[in-house]
């Protein structure tokens, strides 16, 4: 278990920063990470719950980095298929994601993730199929002096 990982050397995308992505822990050998997000009031639907598209983005943003950590920064996942099951309403506030690599072949990977609220209540789960791409072709290194994660 480590809070320092290869993710520290990669610049977060604007969408990932918008979601409040923050690495909590990484288990590279297990292909697993845990992340905190900030479910903003601006993400809510008319009922006051976090809109499902934002939850899907959070789930995607916890699965992809699990691949990067598991491959020691060598592979970047490109999502081919994302399936999300919404299990309960997510209210504005902190949300916690855990993602893991279920299986990684030479060019395709299978991932899963879950998202819980501050009380530990499961609000959504996801599975994804990804194309495994060499990271140097797509990953942006963090700018010198700028925080990556």
Foldseek 3Di string as FASTA:
>chain_A
DDQDFPLFFFADDPLCVVQVWHWDDADLCQLKTKIKGFQDQVQDDPVQFRDPVSVQVVFVVRAQVSVCRNVRNFWGWDFPDKDKDFDATHHGGMKMKMKGWPDDDPFKTKIKMWIAHPVRHTGMIMITITTIDGRVVPTHTDDVPDGRD
